[in-house]
Amino acid sequence: MSKVLPTSFSSLSKFETCPRQYYYQKITQEVQDPPGEAALWGSRVHEALEEYLRDGKELPNTVKMYQKYADQLKDRFPDGELLVEKELAVDANFQPCAWGDPNAWFRGIIDVAILHDGALYMFDWKTGRKKSDFDQLTLFAAMATSYYPEAQQIHAAYIWLKEKAVTRKSFTRDEARKAWADLSPRVKRLEEALEYDNWPARPSGLCKRWCAVGRLRCEHCGS
């Protein structure tokens, strides 16, 4: 089977949750995974905040309560470079490349970033429940070191809109780039699954209610 890349934090997480589900959703695309109401709401919020920050478009009434967070970012460093929905892609050597480059190995989109005075500030909107891990922004920080060599410090934050909270983590350039050592073997396992066409099921509590693969493709579905 041919190699299917690039990957992303979300698609790699899906593979690690269950390779067989990943196969039917991402490789053969026989199974669709329609977004639930929470995911649709998250997409609407992201789009509205993007258009507000980038284009000055007024926020719809349903999202107005989040305007103060966007304004704080917009006004934080008036002389900084504001980046909205910034696409990042790197090749297997961790060098920056175009989003659609056939050599793209890993990709991600930063919701909001500000480049200011030798530092990069990254922010990710979250509409769900607050979590403690920083895996996603750590990988974004690693990619950012390739794009912004002038940024000696990277300050990352999740903005938890529903819970009105912010969680933060800061990195030096060297600390951020250490993320590649953890990521590479994870992507290698996905590449090996593609090479050997090996997609074992990984049963969990999600099989019963949430898996769209169905019993005809997986013996664990509904169990």
Protein backbone atom coordinates (compact mmCIF):
# COMPACT_ATOMS: atom_id res chain seq x y z
CA MET A 1 0.00 0.00 0.00
CA SER A 2 1.28 3.44 -0.83
CA LYS A 3 2.47 5.81 1.85
CA VAL A 4 -0.17 8.32 2.91
CA LEU A 5 1.26 11.48 4.39
CA PRO A 6 1.26 14.12 5.77
CA THR A 7 -0.26 13.56 9.15
CA SER A 8 -1.43 15.89 11.89
CA PHE A 9 -2.00 15.83 15.62
CA SER A 10 -5.67 14.92 15.23
CA SER A 11 -5.18 12.19 12.62
CA LEU A 12 -2.26 10.66 14.54
CA SER A 13 -4.38 10.63 17.68
CA LYS A 14 -7.14 8.86 15.75
CA PHE A 15 -4.67 6.21 14.57
CA GLU A 16 -3.39 5.67 18.10
CA THR A 17 -6.93 5.35 19.45
CA CYS A 18 -7.76 2.59 16.97
CA PRO A 19 -5.77 1.71 13.82
CA ARG A 20 -8.72 -0.11 12.27
CA GLN A 21 -11.03 2.85 12.65
CA TYR A 22 -8.31 5.06 11.16
CA TYR A 23 -8.01 2.71 8.19
CA TYR A 24 -11.68 2.85 7.27
CA GLN A 25 -12.02 6.57 7.87
CA LYS A 26 -8.71 7.90 6.52
CA ILE A 27 -7.33 5.33 4.09
CA THR A 28 -10.28 3.68 2.33
CA GLN A 29 -12.70 6.45 3.39
CA GLU A 30 -15.50 3.87 3.41
CA VAL A 31 -16.74 5.18 6.73
CA GLN A 32 -17.69 8.75 7.46
CA ASP A 33 -17.36 10.26 10.90
CA PRO A 34 -19.98 13.02 10.92
CA PRO A 35 -19.23 15.72 13.49
CA GLY A 36 -21.48 15.94 16.50
CA GLU A 37 -23.12 19.11 17.74
CA ALA A 38 -20.16 19.97 19.97
CA ALA A 39 -17.72 19.72 17.04
CA LEU A 40 -20.00 21.80 14.80
CA TRP A 41 -20.25 24.46 17.49
CA GLY A 42 -16.47 24.48 17.87
CA SER A 43 -16.07 25.00 14.12
CA ARG A 44 -18.52 27.90 14.13
CA VAL A 45 -16.70 29.58 17.02
CA HIS A 46 -13.31 29.16 15.35
CA GLU A 47 -14.57 30.55 12.05
CA ALA A 48 -16.23 33.55 13.70
CA LEU A 49 -13.13 34.43 15.76
CA GLU A 50 -10.92 33.99 12.71
CA GLU A 51 -13.01 36.40 10.63
CA TYR A 52 -13.19 38.88 13.50
CA LEU A 53 -9.43 38.99 14.04
CA ARG A 54 -8.36 38.77 10.41
CA ASP A 55 -11.08 40.75 8.64
CA GLY A 56 -12.75 42.79 11.36
CA LYS A 57 -16.06 41.06 10.71
CA GLU A 58 -18.54 41.51 13.54
CA LEU A 59 -19.08 38.46 15.70
CA PRO A 60 -22.51 36.85 15.61
CA ASN A 61 -24.58 37.24 18.78
CA THR A 62 -23.99 33.60 19.71
CA VAL A 63 -20.23 34.20 19.89
CA LYS A 64 -20.20 37.80 21.20
CA MET A 65 -19.39 36.64 24.73
CA TYR A 66 -15.92 35.60 23.50
CA GLN A 67 -15.02 38.94 21.93
CA LYS A 68 -13.11 40.10 25.00
CA TYR A 69 -10.63 37.23 24.60
CA ALA A 70 -10.03 38.06 20.95
CA ASP A 71 -9.64 41.75 21.76
CA GLN A 72 -7.07 40.97 24.45
CA LEU A 73 -4.97 39.08 21.92
CA LYS A 74 -5.41 41.71 19.23
CA ASP A 75 -4.36 44.51 21.57
CA ARG A 76 -1.65 42.65 23.47
CA PHE A 77 1.27 43.73 21.28
CA PRO A 78 0.08 46.46 18.89
CA ASP A 79 3.44 46.50 17.10
CA GLY A 80 3.69 42.70 16.85
CA GLU A 81 2.85 40.61 13.78
CA LEU A 82 -0.60 39.07 14.21
CA LEU A 83 -1.07 35.70 12.52
CA VAL A 84 -4.54 34.13 12.26
CA GLU A 85 -5.14 30.50 11.28
CA LYS A 86 -1.47 30.15 10.40
CA GLU A 87 -0.76 26.96 8.45
CA LEU A 88 2.50 25.19 9.32
CA ALA A 89 3.99 22.20 7.52
CA VAL A 90 7.36 20.51 7.83
CA ASP A 91 9.07 17.73 5.89
CA ALA A 92 10.67 14.62 7.42
CA ASN A 93 13.80 16.67 8.17
CA PHE A 94 11.68 19.16 10.15
CA GLN A 95 12.22 21.85 7.54
CA PRO A 96 9.34 24.18 6.64
CA CYS A 97 7.51 23.48 3.40
CA ALA A 98 4.30 24.46 1.65
CA TRP A 99 1.04 23.07 3.04
CA GLY A 100 0.41 21.11 -0.16
CA ASP A 101 4.00 20.03 -0.73
CA PRO A 102 4.18 16.29 -1.55
CA ASN A 103 7.05 16.05 0.93
CA ALA A 104 5.01 17.50 3.79
CA TRP A 105 5.38 15.16 6.77
CA PHE A 106 3.51 16.89 9.60
CA ARG A 107 1.06 19.77 9.52
CA GLY A 108 -0.87 21.95 11.92
CA ILE A 109 -2.78 25.22 12.09
CA ILE A 110 -2.22 27.76 14.86
CA ASP A 111 -5.45 29.58 15.69
CA VAL A 112 -3.73 32.84 16.69
CA ALA A 113 -0.06 33.76 16.97
CA ILE A 114 1.81 36.98 17.65
CA LEU A 115 5.45 37.47 16.72
CA HIS A 116 6.93 40.15 18.94
CA ASP A 117 10.42 41.15 20.08
CA GLY A 118 12.14 37.79 19.59
CA ALA A 119 9.30 35.71 20.95
CA LEU A 120 6.30 33.89 19.48
CA TYR A 121 3.02 33.78 21.38
CA MET A 122 0.63 31.01 20.28
CA PHE A 123 -3.01 30.63 21.27
CA ASP A 124 -5.47 27.83 20.60
CA TRP A 125 -9.22 28.26 21.08
CA LYS A 126 -10.90 25.39 22.91
CA THR A 127 -14.67 25.03 23.23
CA GLY A 128 -14.72 21.74 25.16
CA ARG A 129 -13.80 20.78 28.69
CA LYS A 130 -10.41 21.79 30.03
CA LYS A 131 -7.65 19.18 29.79
CA SER A 132 -4.19 19.13 31.28
CA ASP A 133 -2.03 17.85 28.38
CA PHE A 134 -0.05 20.16 26.10
CA ASP A 135 0.79 17.66 23.35
CA GLN A 136 -0.83 19.61 20.51
CA LEU A 137 0.70 22.99 21.29
CA THR A 138 4.07 21.37 22.03
CA LEU A 139 4.13 20.02 18.48
CA PHE A 140 3.00 23.38 17.11
CA ALA A 141 5.85 25.00 19.04
CA ALA A 142 8.32 22.56 17.46
CA MET A 143 7.07 23.43 13.97
CA ALA A 144 7.19 27.12 14.77
CA THR A 145 10.92 26.93 15.50
CA SER A 146 11.46 25.98 11.86
CA TYR A 147 9.34 28.88 10.59
CA TYR A 148 10.52 31.60 12.95
CA PRO A 149 14.26 31.25 13.67
CA GLU A 150 14.18 34.70 15.27
CA ALA A 151 11.85 33.47 18.03
CA GLN A 152 14.05 32.45 20.94
CA GLN A 153 11.09 31.91 23.25
CA ILE A 154 7.71 30.38 22.47
CA HIS A 155 4.79 31.02 24.82
CA ALA A 156 1.80 28.76 24.18
CA ALA A 157 -1.67 28.87 25.68
CA TYR A 158 -5.00 27.11 25.38
CA ILE A 159 -7.95 29.44 25.86
CA TRP A 160 -10.82 27.40 27.32
CA LEU A 161 -13.80 29.50 26.29
CA LYS A 162 -16.50 27.44 27.98
CA GLU A 163 -14.71 27.40 31.32
CA LYS A 164 -13.24 30.91 31.08
CA ALA A 165 -9.76 29.63 31.77
CA VAL A 166 -6.28 29.77 30.25
CA THR A 167 -3.53 27.16 30.56
CA ARG A 168 0.00 28.14 29.56
CA LYS A 169 3.38 26.65 28.83
CA SER A 170 6.61 28.30 27.66
CA PHE A 171 9.49 26.80 25.70
CA THR A 172 12.96 27.76 24.64
CA ARG A 173 13.77 26.85 21.03
CA ASP A 174 15.73 23.79 22.16
CA GLU A 175 12.96 22.62 24.47
CA ALA A 176 10.37 22.92 21.71
CA ARG A 177 12.46 20.98 19.20
CA LYS A 178 12.80 18.06 21.62
CA ALA A 179 9.18 17.26 20.73
CA TRP A 180 10.39 15.72 17.46
CA ALA A 181 12.14 12.95 19.40
CA ASP A 182 8.80 11.92 20.88
CA LEU A 183 6.79 12.42 17.70
CA SER A 184 9.02 10.56 15.23
CA PRO A 185 8.47 7.03 16.61
CA ARG A 186 4.72 7.67 16.80
CA VAL A 187 4.59 8.63 13.11
CA LYS A 188 6.89 5.69 12.34
CA ARG A 189 4.26 3.31 13.71
CA LEU A 190 1.70 4.83 11.38
CA GLU A 191 4.10 4.54 8.44
CA GLU A 192 4.69 0.87 9.29
CA ALA A 193 0.95 0.23 9.40
CA LEU A 194 0.73 1.72 5.90
CA GLU A 195 3.73 -0.23 4.62
CA TYR A 196 2.53 -3.61 5.91
CA ASP A 197 -1.19 -2.90 5.59
CA ASN A 198 -1.67 -3.82 9.24
CA TRP A 199 -4.65 -2.25 11.01
CA PRO A 200 -5.49 -4.10 14.22
CA ALA A 201 -8.57 -3.13 16.19
CA ARG A 202 -7.95 -1.53 19.58
CA PRO A 203 -11.13 -2.09 21.59
CA SER A 204 -12.13 0.44 24.22
CA GLY A 205 -15.21 1.93 25.80
CA LEU A 206 -15.69 3.96 22.61
CA CYS A 207 -16.57 0.83 20.61
CA LYS A 208 -20.08 0.56 22.00
CA ARG A 209 -21.48 3.99 21.36
CA TRP A 210 -19.22 6.03 19.13
CA CYS A 211 -17.60 3.86 16.48
CA ALA A 212 -18.99 4.27 12.97
CA VAL A 213 -17.01 1.35 11.51
CA GLY A 214 -19.79 -1.15 12.20
CA ARG A 215 -19.92 -4.85 13.01
CA LEU A 216 -19.27 -5.97 9.44
CA ARG A 217 -15.79 -4.43 9.61
CA CYS A 218 -14.95 -4.91 13.29
CA GLU A 219 -15.93 -7.64 15.73
CA HIS A 220 -15.63 -5.26 18.67
CA CYS A 221 -18.15 -2.72 17.43
CA GLY A 222 -21.05 -2.44 19.84
CA SER A 223 -19.40 -4.65 22.43
